[in-house]
């Protein structure tokens, strides 16, 4: 899985449309192997991002969990701590 795609489910506040769009863009970039498509492929690339964005939002809206929502700030702090340990000199 692409490291830049983060879990979006079960957060308080819920994932924003910008976060969903960014995840869809990262997915399409990964699958297509292109960070910036050629002009000939731009329309197909944009369409794929749009379709995946909607599918992702539908999925997030449909998921059910009994776990309490995660706090974004707490999860960000955990990620920074993991990163610091990983890249410590």
PDB file of N, CA and C in Angstrom:
ATOM      1  N   UNK A   1       0.854  -1.185   0.000  1.00  0.00           N
ATOM      2  CA  UNK A   1       0.000   0.000   0.000  1.00  0.00           C
ATOM      3  C   UNK A   1       0.888   1.233   0.000  1.00  0.00           C
ATOM      4  N   UNK A   2       0.436   2.234  -0.662  1.00  0.00           N
ATOM      5  CA  UNK A   2       1.173   3.489  -0.739  1.00  0.00           C
ATOM      6  C   UNK A   2       1.231   4.123   0.656  1.00  0.00           C
ATOM      7  N   UNK A   3       2.403   4.515   1.074  1.00  0.00           N
ATOM      8  CA  UNK A   3       2.554   5.095   2.410  1.00  0.00           C
ATOM      9  C   UNK A   3       1.814   6.406   2.573  1.00  0.00           C
ATOM     10  N   UNK A   4       1.552   7.113   1.487  1.00  0.00           N
ATOM     11  CA  UNK A   4       0.894   8.409   1.576  1.00  0.00           C
ATOM     12  C   UNK A   4      -0.616   8.309   1.742  1.00  0.00           C
ATOM     13  N   UNK A   5      -1.175   7.132   1.530  1.00  0.00           N
ATOM     14  CA  UNK A   5      -2.612   6.959   1.714  1.00  0.00           C
ATOM     15  C   UNK A   5      -2.850   6.574   3.164  1.00  0.00           C
ATOM     16  N   UNK A   6      -3.584   7.398   3.871  1.00  0.00           N
ATOM     17  CA  UNK A   6      -3.834   7.189   5.288  1.00  0.00           C
ATOM     18  C   UNK A   6      -5.249   6.661   5.503  1.00  0.00           C
ATOM     19  N   UNK A   7      -5.442   5.891   6.580  1.00  0.00           N
ATOM     20  CA  UNK A   7      -6.802   5.478   6.910  1.00  0.00           C
ATOM     21  C   UNK A   7      -7.682   6.703   7.129  1.00  0.00           C
ATOM     22  N   UNK A   8      -8.903   6.638   6.635  1.00  0.00           N
ATOM     23  CA  UNK A   8      -9.821   7.776   6.742  1.00  0.00           C
ATOM     24  C   UNK A   8     -11.068   7.463   7.560  1.00  0.00           C
ATOM     25  N   UNK A   9     -11.236   6.213   7.926  1.00  0.00           N
ATOM     26  CA  UNK A   9     -12.447   5.806   8.620  1.00  0.00           C
ATOM     27  C   UNK A   9     -12.318   5.986  10.133  1.00  0.00           C
ATOM     28  N   UNK A  10     -13.433   6.295  10.766  1.00  0.00           N
ATOM     29  CA  UNK A  10     -13.575   6.340  12.219  1.00  0.00           C
ATOM     30  C   UNK A  10     -12.709   7.423  12.864  1.00  0.00           C
ATOM     31  N   UNK A  11     -12.746   8.614  12.305  1.00  0.00           N
ATOM     32  CA  UNK A  11     -12.064   9.755  12.902  1.00  0.00           C
ATOM     33  C   UNK A  11     -13.085  10.786  13.324  1.00  0.00           C
ATOM     34  N   UNK A  12     -12.740  11.535  14.341  1.00  0.00           N
ATOM     35  CA  UNK A  12     -13.561  12.644  14.772  1.00  0.00           C
ATOM     36  C   UNK A  12     -12.707  13.887  14.703  1.00  0.00           C
ATOM     37  N   UNK A  13     -13.018  14.874  13.912  1.00  0.00           N
ATOM     38  CA  UNK A  13     -14.116  14.926  12.954  1.00  0.00           C
ATOM     39  C   UNK A  13     -13.859  14.000  11.767  1.00  0.00           C
ATOM     40  N   UNK A  14     -14.938  13.658  11.042  1.00  0.00           N
ATOM     41  CA  UNK A  14     -14.813  12.738   9.903  1.00  0.00           C
ATOM     42  C   UNK A  14     -13.883  13.281   8.819  1.00  0.00           C
ATOM     43  N   UNK A  15     -13.444  12.381   7.958  1.00  0.00           N
ATOM     44  CA  UNK A  15     -12.565  12.754   6.845  1.00  0.00           C
ATOM     45  C   UNK A  15     -13.232  13.831   5.996  1.00  0.00           C
ATOM     46  N   UNK A  16     -12.429  14.783   5.578  1.00  0.00           N
ATOM     47  CA  UNK A  16     -12.946  15.858   4.735  1.00  0.00           C
ATOM     48  C   UNK A  16     -12.926  15.415   3.276  1.00  0.00           C
ATOM     49  N   UNK A  17     -13.626  16.144   2.435  1.00  0.00           N
ATOM     50  CA  UNK A  17     -13.622  15.823   1.008  1.00  0.00           C
ATOM     51  C   UNK A  17     -12.226  16.008   0.422  1.00  0.00           C
ATOM     52  N   UNK A  18     -11.447  16.948   0.963  1.00  0.00           N
ATOM     53  CA  UNK A  18     -10.071  17.136   0.498  1.00  0.00           C
ATOM     54  C   UNK A  18      -9.206  15.916   0.808  1.00  0.00           C
ATOM     55  N   UNK A  19      -9.398  15.325   1.976  1.00  0.00           N
ATOM     56  CA  UNK A  19      -8.640  14.126   2.343  1.00  0.00           C
ATOM     57  C   UNK A  19      -9.013  12.945   1.463  1.00  0.00           C
ATOM     58  N   UNK A  20     -10.294  12.814   1.167  1.00  0.00           N
ATOM     59  CA  UNK A  20     -10.761  11.734   0.303  1.00  0.00           C
ATOM     60  C   UNK A  20     -10.208  11.928  -1.107  1.00  0.00           C
ATOM     61  N   UNK A  21     -10.229  13.155  -1.599  1.00  0.00           N
ATOM     62  CA  UNK A  21      -9.703  13.452  -2.929  1.00  0.00           C
ATOM     63  C   UNK A  21      -8.203  13.181  -2.988  1.00  0.00           C
ATOM     64  N   UNK A  22      -7.472  13.554  -1.948  1.00  0.00           N
ATOM     65  CA  UNK A  22      -6.025  13.321  -1.914  1.00  0.00           C
ATOM     66  C   UNK A  22      -5.708  11.826  -1.921  1.00  0.00           C
ATOM     67  N   UNK A  23      -6.498  11.040  -1.189  1.00  0.00           N
ATOM     68  CA  UNK A  23      -6.292   9.589  -1.182  1.00  0.00           C
ATOM     69  C   UNK A  23      -6.570   8.996  -2.560  1.00  0.00           C
ATOM     70  N   UNK A  24      -7.631   9.470  -3.214  1.00  0.00           N
ATOM     71  CA  UNK A  24      -7.964   8.983  -4.557  1.00  0.00           C
ATOM     72  C   UNK A  24      -6.853   9.340  -5.539  1.00  0.00           C
ATOM     73  N   UNK A  25      -6.333  10.550  -5.436  1.00  0.00           N
ATOM     74  CA  UNK A  25      -5.245  10.979  -6.312  1.00  0.00           C
ATOM     75  C   UNK A  25      -4.003  10.120  -6.098  1.00  0.00           C
ATOM     76  N   UNK A  26      -3.656   9.860  -4.850  1.00  0.00           N
ATOM     77  CA  UNK A  26      -2.492   9.020  -4.562  1.00  0.00           C
ATOM     78  C   UNK A  26      -2.681   7.616  -5.118  1.00  0.00           C
ATOM     79  N   UNK A  27      -3.881   7.081  -4.980  1.00  0.00           N
ATOM     80  CA  UNK A  27      -4.167   5.745  -5.506  1.00  0.00           C
ATOM     81  C   UNK A  27      -3.992   5.701  -7.024  1.00  0.00           C
ATOM     82  N   UNK A  28      -4.563   6.677  -7.715  1.00  0.00           N
ATOM     83  CA  UNK A  28      -4.464   6.708  -9.178  1.00  0.00           C
ATOM     84  C   UNK A  28      -3.011   6.901  -9.606  1.00  0.00           C
ATOM     85  N   UNK A  29      -2.277   7.735  -8.907  1.00  0.00           N
ATOM     86  CA  UNK A  29      -0.854   7.912  -9.220  1.00  0.00           C
ATOM     87  C   UNK A  29      -0.095   6.597  -9.068  1.00  0.00           C
ATOM     88  N   UNK A  30      -0.377   5.883  -7.991  1.00  0.00           N
ATOM     89  CA  UNK A  30       0.312   4.620  -7.729  1.00  0.00           C
ATOM     90  C   UNK A  30      -0.011   3.593  -8.805  1.00  0.00           C
ATOM     91  N   UNK A  31      -1.290   3.429  -9.105  1.00  0.00           N
ATOM     92  CA  UNK A  31      -1.723   2.418 -10.078  1.00  0.00           C
ATOM     93  C   UNK A  31      -1.247   2.758 -11.485  1.00  0.00           C
ATOM     94  N   UNK A  32      -1.298   4.038 -11.850  1.00  0.00           N
ATOM     95  CA  UNK A  32      -0.915   4.435 -13.206  1.00  0.00           C
ATOM     96  C   UNK A  32       0.599   4.526 -13.377  1.00  0.00           C
ATOM     97  N   UNK A  33       1.307   4.677 -12.270  1.00  0.00           N
ATOM     98  CA  UNK A  33       2.752   4.831 -12.352  1.00  0.00           C
ATOM     99  C   UNK A  33       3.176   6.214 -12.786  1.00  0.00           C
ATOM    100  N   UNK A  34       2.260   7.177 -12.721  1.00  0.00           N
ATOM    101  CA  UNK A  34       2.565   8.542 -13.158  1.00  0.00           C
ATOM    102  C   UNK A  34       2.085   9.546 -12.118  1.00  0.00           C
ATOM    103  N   UNK A  35       2.959  10.431 -11.720  1.00  0.00           N
ATOM    104  CA  UNK A  35       2.535  11.491 -10.807  1.00  0.00           C
ATOM    105  C   UNK A  35       1.870  12.625 -11.564  1.00  0.00           C
ATOM    106  N   UNK A  36       2.268  12.792 -12.821  1.00  0.00           N
ATOM    107  CA  UNK A  36       1.645  13.793 -13.685  1.00  0.00           C
ATOM    108  C   UNK A  36       1.446  13.142 -15.047  1.00  0.00           C
ATOM    109  N   UNK A  37       0.197  12.885 -15.413  1.00  0.00           N
ATOM    110  CA  UNK A  37      -0.045  12.205 -16.683  1.00  0.00           C
ATOM    111  C   UNK A  37       0.247  13.106 -17.888  1.00  0.00           C
ATOM    112  N   UNK A  38       0.470  12.490 -19.008  1.00  0.00           N
ATOM    113  CA  UNK A  38       0.652  13.248 -20.244  1.00  0.00           C
ATOM    114  C   UNK A  38      -0.676  13.912 -20.616  1.00  0.00           C
ATOM    115  N   UNK A  39      -0.609  14.879 -21.528  1.00  0.00           N
ATOM    116  CA  UNK A  39      -1.837  15.546 -21.961  1.00  0.00           C
ATOM    117  C   UNK A  39      -2.817  14.540 -22.559  1.00  0.00           C
ATOM    118  N   UNK A  40      -2.304  13.548 -23.239  1.00  0.00           N
ATOM    119  CA  UNK A  40      -3.156  12.537 -23.862  1.00  0.00           C
ATOM    120  C   UNK A  40      -3.913  11.717 -22.820  1.00  0.00           C
ATOM    121  N   UNK A  41      -3.350  11.586 -21.626  1.00  0.00           N
ATOM    122  CA  UNK A  41      -3.962  10.764 -20.578  1.00  0.00           C
ATOM    123  C   UNK A  41      -4.621  11.573 -19.465  1.00  0.00           C
ATOM    124  N   UNK A  42      -4.550  12.889 -19.539  1.00  0.00           N
ATOM    125  CA  UNK A  42      -5.055  13.735 -18.450  1.00  0.00           C
ATOM    126  C   UNK A  42      -6.540  13.494 -18.170  1.00  0.00           C
ATOM    127  N   UNK A  43      -7.351  13.409 -19.211  1.00  0.00           N
ATOM    128  CA  UNK A  43      -8.794  13.223 -19.020  1.00  0.00           C
ATOM    129  C   UNK A  43      -9.092  11.892 -18.337  1.00  0.00           C
ATOM    130  N   UNK A  44      -8.435  10.834 -18.775  1.00  0.00           N
ATOM    131  CA  UNK A  44      -8.638   9.511 -18.162  1.00  0.00           C
ATOM    132  C   UNK A  44      -8.172   9.523 -16.708  1.00  0.00           C
ATOM    133  N   UNK A  45      -7.052  10.176 -16.453  1.00  0.00           N
ATOM    134  CA  UNK A  45      -6.497  10.282 -15.109  1.00  0.00           C
ATOM    135  C   UNK A  45      -7.484  11.013 -14.190  1.00  0.00           C
ATOM    136  N   UNK A  46      -7.965  12.170 -14.636  1.00  0.00           N
ATOM    137  CA  UNK A  46      -8.916  12.961 -13.841  1.00  0.00           C
ATOM    138  C   UNK A  46     -10.217  12.207 -13.603  1.00  0.00           C
ATOM    139  N   UNK A  47     -10.684  11.500 -14.620  1.00  0.00           N
ATOM    140  CA  UNK A  47     -11.916  10.711 -14.472  1.00  0.00           C
ATOM    141  C   UNK A  47     -11.724   9.616 -13.427  1.00  0.00           C
ATOM    142  N   UNK A  48     -10.580   8.942 -13.463  1.00  0.00           N
ATOM    143  CA  UNK A  48     -10.307   7.879 -12.492  1.00  0.00           C
ATOM    144  C   UNK A  48     -10.270   8.446 -11.077  1.00  0.00           C
ATOM    145  N   UNK A  49      -9.640   9.589 -10.888  1.00  0.00           N
ATOM    146  CA  UNK A  49      -9.591  10.215  -9.561  1.00  0.00           C
ATOM    147  C   UNK A  49     -11.011  10.515  -9.090  1.00  0.00           C
ATOM    148  N   UNK A  50     -11.832  11.059  -9.969  1.00  0.00           N
ATOM    149  CA  UNK A  50     -13.215  11.408  -9.622  1.00  0.00           C
ATOM    150  C   UNK A  50     -14.018  10.165  -9.212  1.00  0.00           C
ATOM    151  N   UNK A  51     -13.922   9.111 -10.000  1.00  0.00           N
ATOM    152  CA  UNK A  51     -14.675   7.882  -9.716  1.00  0.00           C
ATOM    153  C   UNK A  51     -14.213   7.265  -8.399  1.00  0.00           C
ATOM    154  N   UNK A  52     -12.913   7.209  -8.180  1.00  0.00           N
ATOM    155  CA  UNK A  52     -12.375   6.600  -6.960  1.00  0.00           C
ATOM    156  C   UNK A  52     -12.691   7.461  -5.743  1.00  0.00           C
ATOM    157  N   UNK A  53     -12.699   8.756  -5.921  1.00  0.00           N
ATOM    158  CA  UNK A  53     -13.072   9.660  -4.834  1.00  0.00           C
ATOM    159  C   UNK A  53     -14.492   9.365  -4.359  1.00  0.00           C
ATOM    160  N   UNK A  54     -15.411   9.206  -5.306  1.00  0.00           N
ATOM    161  CA  UNK A  54     -16.805   8.909  -4.934  1.00  0.00           C
ATOM    162  C   UNK A  54     -16.936   7.513  -4.326  1.00  0.00           C
ATOM    163  N   UNK A  55     -16.237   6.548  -4.862  1.00  0.00           N
ATOM    164  CA  UNK A  55     -16.283   5.192  -4.309  1.00  0.00           C
ATOM    165  C   UNK A  55     -15.720   5.171  -2.889  1.00  0.00           C
ATOM    166  N   UNK A  56     -14.653   5.930  -2.670  1.00  0.00           N
ATOM    167  CA  UNK A  56     -14.045   6.003  -1.343  1.00  0.00           C
ATOM    168  C   UNK A  56     -15.003   6.640  -0.348  1.00  0.00           C
ATOM    169  N   UNK A  57     -15.643   7.732  -0.748  1.00  0.00           N
ATOM    170  CA  UNK A  57     -16.584   8.398   0.151  1.00  0.00           C
ATOM    171  C   UNK A  57     -17.765   7.489   0.457  1.00  0.00           C
ATOM    172  N   UNK A  58     -18.271   6.772  -0.540  1.00  0.00           N
ATOM    173  CA  UNK A  58     -19.360   5.814  -0.315  1.00  0.00           C
ATOM    174  C   UNK A  58     -18.943   4.735   0.676  1.00  0.00           C
ATOM    175  N   UNK A  59     -17.721   4.237   0.527  1.00  0.00           N
ATOM    176  CA  UNK A  59     -17.217   3.211   1.435  1.00  0.00           C
ATOM    177  C   UNK A  59     -17.138   3.748   2.860  1.00  0.00           C
ATOM    178  N   UNK A  60     -16.533   4.898   3.028  1.00  0.00           N
ATOM    179  CA  UNK A  60     -16.392   5.482   4.367  1.00  0.00           C
ATOM    180  C   UNK A  60     -17.758   5.717   5.002  1.00  0.00           C
ATOM    181  N   UNK A  61     -18.701   6.209   4.208  1.00  0.00           N
ATOM    182  CA  UNK A  61     -20.044   6.483   4.718  1.00  0.00           C
ATOM    183  C   UNK A  61     -20.786   5.204   5.100  1.00  0.00           C
ATOM    184  N   UNK A  62     -20.424   4.076   4.487  1.00  0.00           N
ATOM    185  CA  UNK A  62     -21.129   2.823   4.712  1.00  0.00           C
ATOM    186  C   UNK A  62     -20.531   1.973   5.832  1.00  0.00           C
ATOM    187  N   UNK A  63     -19.282   2.239   6.195  1.00  0.00           N
ATOM    188  CA  UNK A  63     -18.632   1.410   7.210  1.00  0.00           C
ATOM    189  C   UNK A  63     -19.238   1.630   8.583  1.00  0.00           C
ATOM    190  N   UNK A  64     -19.321   0.543   9.341  1.00  0.00           N
ATOM    191  CA  UNK A  64     -19.868   0.578  10.701  1.00  0.00           C
ATOM    192  C   UNK A  64     -18.806   0.040  11.641  1.00  0.00           C
ATOM    193  N   UNK A  65     -18.659   0.685  12.786  1.00  0.00           N
ATOM    194  CA  UNK A  65     -17.704   0.216  13.778  1.00  0.00           C
ATOM    195  C   UNK A  65     -18.239   0.469  15.174  1.00  0.00           C
ATOM    196  N   UNK A  66     -17.805  -0.371  16.103  1.00  0.00           N
ATOM    197  CA  UNK A  66     -18.182  -0.169  17.504  1.00  0.00           C
ATOM    198  C   UNK A  66     -17.046   0.507  18.268  1.00  0.00           C
ATOM    199  N   UNK A  67     -15.903   0.672  17.614  1.00  0.00           N
ATOM    200  CA  UNK A  67     -14.755   1.324  18.248  1.00  0.00           C
ATOM    201  C   UNK A  67     -15.017   2.817  18.378  1.00  0.00           C
ATOM    202  N   UNK A  68     -14.518   3.414  19.434  1.00  0.00           N
ATOM    203  CA  UNK A  68     -14.685   4.868  19.562  1.00  0.00           C
ATOM    204  C   UNK A  68     -13.881   5.583  18.474  1.00  0.00           C
ATOM    205  N   UNK A  69     -14.357   6.734  18.020  1.00  0.00           N
ATOM    206  CA  UNK A  69     -13.624   7.477  16.983  1.00  0.00           C
ATOM    207  C   UNK A  69     -12.223   7.852  17.462  1.00  0.00           C
ATOM    208  N   UNK A  70     -11.284   7.832  16.521  1.00  0.00           N
ATOM    209  CA  UNK A  70      -9.906   8.207  16.830  1.00  0.00           C
ATOM    210  C   UNK A  70      -9.774   9.729  16.747  1.00  0.00           C
ATOM    211  N   UNK A  71      -8.906  10.249  17.586  1.00  0.00           N
ATOM    212  CA  UNK A  71      -8.630  11.680  17.603  1.00  0.00           C
ATOM    213  C   UNK A  71      -7.496  11.966  16.623  1.00  0.00           C
ATOM    214  N   UNK A  72      -7.705  12.891  15.717  1.00  0.00           N
ATOM    215  CA  UNK A  72      -6.708  13.203  14.686  1.00  0.00           C
ATOM    216  C   UNK A  72      -5.378  13.672  15.284  1.00  0.00           C
ATOM    217  N   UNK A  73      -5.437  14.500  16.309  1.00  0.00           N
ATOM    218  CA  UNK A  73      -4.209  15.025  16.906  1.00  0.00           C
ATOM    219  C   UNK A  73      -3.411  13.925  17.597  1.00  0.00           C
ATOM    220  N   UNK A  74      -4.088  13.025  18.270  1.00  0.00           N
ATOM    221  CA  UNK A  74      -3.420  11.908  18.941  1.00  0.00           C
ATOM    222  C   UNK A  74      -2.772  10.994  17.898  1.00  0.00           C
ATOM    223  N   UNK A  75      -3.498  10.694  16.831  1.00  0.00           N
ATOM    224  CA  UNK A  75      -2.953   9.826  15.776  1.00  0.00           C
ATOM    225  C   UNK A  75      -1.770  10.494  15.076  1.00  0.00           C
ATOM    226  N   UNK A  76      -1.830  11.804  14.875  1.00  0.00           N
ATOM    227  CA  UNK A  76      -0.716  12.531  14.256  1.00  0.00           C
ATOM    228  C   UNK A  76       0.515  12.491  15.155  1.00  0.00           C
ATOM    229  N   UNK A  77       0.311  12.626  16.462  1.00  0.00           N
ATOM    230  CA  UNK A  77       1.430  12.564  17.401  1.00  0.00           C
ATOM    231  C   UNK A  77       2.067  11.175  17.390  1.00  0.00           C
ATOM    232  N   UNK A  78       1.246  10.140  17.319  1.00  0.00           N
ATOM    233  CA  UNK A  78       1.772   8.769  17.246  1.00  0.00           C
ATOM    234  C   UNK A  78       2.595   8.573  15.975  1.00  0.00           C
ATOM    235  N   UNK A  79       2.106   9.110  14.857  1.00  0.00           N
ATOM    236  CA  UNK A  79       2.818   8.981  13.589  1.00  0.00           C
ATOM    237  C   UNK A  79       4.161   9.707  13.645  1.00  0.00           C
ATOM    238  N   UNK A  80       4.192  10.879  14.267  1.00  0.00           N
ATOM    239  CA  UNK A  80       5.449  11.617  14.396  1.00  0.00           C
ATOM    240  C   UNK A  80       6.438  10.842  15.255  1.00  0.00           C
ATOM    241  N   UNK A  81       5.936  10.222  16.298  1.00  0.00           N
ATOM    242  CA  UNK A  81       6.799   9.437  17.183  1.00  0.00           C
ATOM    243  C   UNK A  81       7.370   8.229  16.437  1.00  0.00           C
ATOM    244  N   UNK A  82       6.525   7.541  15.658  1.00  0.00           N
ATOM    245  CA  UNK A  82       6.998   6.402  14.873  1.00  0.00           C
ATOM    246  C   UNK A  82       8.047   6.853  13.868  1.00  0.00           C
ATOM    247  N   UNK A  83       7.814   7.982  13.236  1.00  0.00           N
ATOM    248  CA  UNK A  83       8.749   8.506  12.256  1.00  0.00           C
ATOM    249  C   UNK A  83      10.080   8.878  12.902  1.00  0.00           C
ATOM    250  N   UNK A  84      10.014   9.498  14.061  1.00  0.00           N
ATOM    251  CA  UNK A  84      11.236   9.880  14.769  1.00  0.00           C
ATOM    252  C   UNK A  84      12.067   8.646  15.117  1.00  0.00           C
ATOM    253  N   UNK A  85      11.407   7.598  15.574  1.00  0.00           N
ATOM    254  CA  UNK A  85      12.112   6.346  15.894  1.00  0.00           C
ATOM    255  C   UNK A  85      12.691   5.716  14.637  1.00  0.00           C
ATOM    256  N   UNK A  86      11.938   5.746  13.576  1.00  0.00           N
ATOM    257  CA  UNK A  86      12.370   5.114  12.334  1.00  0.00           C
ATOM    258  C   UNK A  86      13.577   5.804  11.731  1.00  0.00           C
ATOM    259  N   UNK A  87      13.606   7.135  11.781  1.00  0.00           N
ATOM    260  CA  UNK A  87      14.664   7.888  11.132  1.00  0.00           C
ATOM    261  C   UNK A  87      15.697   8.443  12.113  1.00  0.00           C
ATOM    262  N   UNK A  88      15.687   7.930  13.337  1.00  0.00           N
ATOM    263  CA  UNK A  88      16.673   8.378  14.330  1.00  0.00           C
ATOM    264  C   UNK A  88      18.075   8.006  13.873  1.00  0.00           C
ATOM    265  N   UNK A  89      18.997   8.904  14.107  1.00  0.00           N
ATOM    266  CA  UNK A  89      20.397   8.666  13.684  1.00  0.00           C
ATOM    267  C   UNK A  89      21.123   7.796  14.665  1.00  0.00           C
TER     268      UNK A  89
END
